[in-house]
Amino acid sequence: MGSLNYLPVLVAATVSFVFGGIWYNVFSKQWLEAVGRSPDSLHMGKSSIGLYLLAFGAQLVMAWILAGVLLHLSKGGIPLSVRSGIFSAILMWFGFVMTTMVVNYNFHGARQSLTLIDGGHWLGVLVLQGAILGYWGVR
């Protein structure tokens, strides 16, 4: 992926990371209920910085891989656009993210609401990344 433009990848990861903060702020009560925890049980100290770095790193990898997929699609003749970026992101979400989440969450006995909250988050992440990468370009 040598001809990849890394600035849009960084922007896509940053925007999707901020989206995650907003998403889980809006759904914090429902998320806590779905995982069976209270707000007091969360340890939001220095150790949580590592979790946020992990989350950002994961979204950076996702944006990089999505950009690589879009680059290969564009080299194959599919014009890069916001639409093709979003469509590709939705397909990746449905085909890879939700399928693994549904299996894992069901084997763990997680509540359906947790699958919906977390799945919605990852859909938003990928759609935003696809839109940014499709608009800005990946070369």
Protein backbone atom coordinates (compact mmCIF):
# COMPACT_ATOMS: atom_id res chain seq x y z
CA MET A 1 0.00 0.00 0.00
CA GLY A 2 2.87 2.29 -0.88
CA SER A 3 0.78 4.92 -2.67
CA LEU A 4 -1.60 5.31 0.26
CA ASN A 5 -2.23 8.84 1.55
CA TYR A 6 -1.82 8.57 5.32
CA LEU A 7 -3.26 11.97 6.30
CA PRO A 8 -6.88 10.97 5.52
CA VAL A 9 -6.25 7.71 7.41
CA LEU A 10 -5.20 9.67 10.50
CA VAL A 11 -8.15 12.06 10.15
CA ALA A 12 -10.60 9.17 9.69
CA ALA A 13 -9.25 7.42 12.79
CA THR A 14 -9.43 10.63 14.84
CA VAL A 15 -12.97 11.49 13.76
CA SER A 16 -14.19 7.96 14.43
CA PHE A 17 -12.49 7.95 17.84
CA VAL A 18 -14.28 11.19 18.77
CA PHE A 19 -17.53 9.67 17.48
CA GLY A 20 -16.98 6.74 19.85
CA GLY A 21 -16.67 9.10 22.78
CA ILE A 22 -19.93 10.79 21.83
CA TRP A 23 -21.67 7.45 21.14
CA TYR A 24 -20.79 5.91 24.47
CA ASN A 25 -21.57 9.14 26.31
CA VAL A 26 -25.07 9.10 24.83
CA PHE A 27 -25.55 5.36 25.49
CA SER A 28 -23.56 5.15 28.75
CA LYS A 29 -26.55 4.28 30.93
CA GLN A 30 -27.77 1.57 28.55
CA TRP A 31 -24.25 0.21 28.06
CA LEU A 32 -23.62 -0.02 31.80
CA GLU A 33 -26.93 -1.82 32.25
CA ALA A 34 -26.11 -4.20 29.38
CA VAL A 35 -22.76 -5.17 30.92
CA GLY A 36 -24.23 -5.30 34.43
CA ARG A 37 -22.05 -2.59 35.97
CA SER A 38 -22.59 0.60 37.88
CA PRO A 39 -20.92 3.93 37.13
CA ASP A 40 -19.02 3.57 40.41
CA SER A 41 -17.44 0.32 39.24
CA LEU A 42 -15.59 2.01 36.38
CA HIS A 43 -12.00 2.88 37.15
CA MET A 44 -11.35 6.01 35.12
CA GLY A 45 -7.85 6.82 36.28
CA LYS A 46 -4.41 6.53 34.78
CA SER A 47 -5.03 2.94 33.71
CA SER A 48 -7.87 4.05 31.43
CA ILE A 49 -5.43 6.09 29.33
CA GLY A 50 -4.05 2.80 28.03
CA LEU A 51 -7.55 1.69 27.06
CA TYR A 52 -8.11 4.90 25.10
CA LEU A 53 -4.76 4.49 23.35
CA LEU A 54 -5.72 0.91 22.51
CA ALA A 55 -9.08 2.08 21.12
CA PHE A 56 -7.43 4.80 19.03
CA GLY A 57 -4.79 2.37 17.77
CA ALA A 58 -7.48 -0.11 16.75
CA GLN A 59 -9.36 2.59 14.86
CA LEU A 60 -6.14 3.70 13.19
CA VAL A 61 -5.58 0.14 11.97
CA MET A 62 -9.21 -0.06 10.80
CA ALA A 63 -8.87 3.18 8.83
CA TRP A 64 -5.58 2.01 7.31
CA ILE A 65 -7.05 -1.33 6.23
CA LEU A 66 -10.21 0.30 4.88
CA ALA A 67 -8.07 2.76 2.93
CA GLY A 68 -6.09 -0.16 1.52
CA VAL A 69 -9.29 -1.93 0.45
CA LEU A 70 -10.57 1.26 -1.18
CA LEU A 71 -7.23 1.75 -2.92
CA HIS A 72 -7.41 -1.78 -4.36
CA LEU A 73 -11.02 -1.26 -5.42
CA SER A 74 -10.13 2.01 -7.16
CA LYS A 75 -7.23 0.32 -8.97
CA GLY A 76 -9.73 -2.32 -10.07
CA GLY A 77 -11.94 0.29 -11.71
CA ILE A 78 -14.44 1.18 -8.98
CA PRO A 79 -14.47 4.98 -8.72
CA LEU A 80 -13.66 6.25 -5.25
CA SER A 81 -16.38 8.45 -3.76
CA VAL A 82 -18.19 9.07 -0.50
CA ARG A 83 -20.82 6.59 -1.67
CA SER A 84 -18.36 3.80 -2.52
CA GLY A 85 -16.46 4.46 0.72
CA ILE A 86 -19.61 4.19 2.82
CA PHE A 87 -20.90 1.17 0.90
CA SER A 88 -17.58 -0.65 1.30
CA ALA A 89 -17.53 0.22 5.01
CA ILE A 90 -21.06 -1.13 5.52
CA LEU A 91 -20.16 -4.37 3.74
CA MET A 92 -17.06 -4.79 5.92
CA TRP A 93 -19.11 -4.04 9.04
CA PHE A 94 -21.82 -6.51 8.12
CA GLY A 95 -19.48 -9.21 6.83
CA PHE A 96 -16.73 -9.07 9.44
CA VAL A 97 -17.60 -6.94 12.47
CA MET A 98 -21.21 -7.88 13.18
CA THR A 99 -20.77 -11.55 12.35
CA THR A 100 -17.93 -11.92 14.84
CA MET A 101 -19.69 -9.80 17.46
CA VAL A 102 -22.92 -11.78 17.22
CA VAL A 103 -21.09 -15.09 17.60
CA ASN A 104 -18.82 -13.92 20.42
CA TYR A 105 -21.50 -12.06 22.35
CA ASN A 106 -23.88 -15.02 22.13
CA PHE A 107 -21.24 -17.46 23.32
CA HIS A 108 -20.44 -15.12 26.22
CA GLY A 109 -24.11 -14.79 27.07
CA ALA A 110 -24.09 -11.02 26.60
CA ARG A 111 -27.35 -9.17 26.43
CA GLN A 112 -28.76 -8.37 23.01
CA SER A 113 -28.71 -4.68 23.89
CA LEU A 114 -24.91 -4.81 24.24
CA THR A 115 -24.60 -6.27 20.75
CA LEU A 116 -26.79 -3.48 19.40
CA ILE A 117 -24.96 -0.69 21.24
CA ASP A 118 -21.47 -1.92 20.35
CA GLY A 119 -22.49 -2.94 16.84
CA GLY A 120 -24.01 0.48 16.24
CA HIS A 121 -20.79 2.07 17.42
CA TRP A 122 -18.66 0.06 14.98
CA LEU A 123 -21.09 0.78 12.15
CA GLY A 124 -20.75 4.50 12.87
CA VAL A 125 -16.96 4.19 13.03
CA LEU A 126 -16.71 2.44 9.69
CA VAL A 127 -19.27 4.66 7.93
CA LEU A 128 -17.44 7.79 9.06
CA GLN A 129 -14.11 6.34 8.02
CA GLY A 130 -15.50 5.24 4.66
CA ALA A 131 -17.05 8.65 4.03
CA ILE A 132 -13.85 10.51 4.89
CA LEU A 133 -11.60 8.19 2.90
CA GLY A 134 -14.02 8.15 -0.03
CA TYR A 135 -14.28 11.93 -0.07
CA TRP A 136 -10.64 12.77 0.54
CA GLY A 137 -9.16 9.92 -1.45
CA VAL A 138 -6.62 7.33 -0.51
CA ARG A 139 -3.80 8.16 -2.93
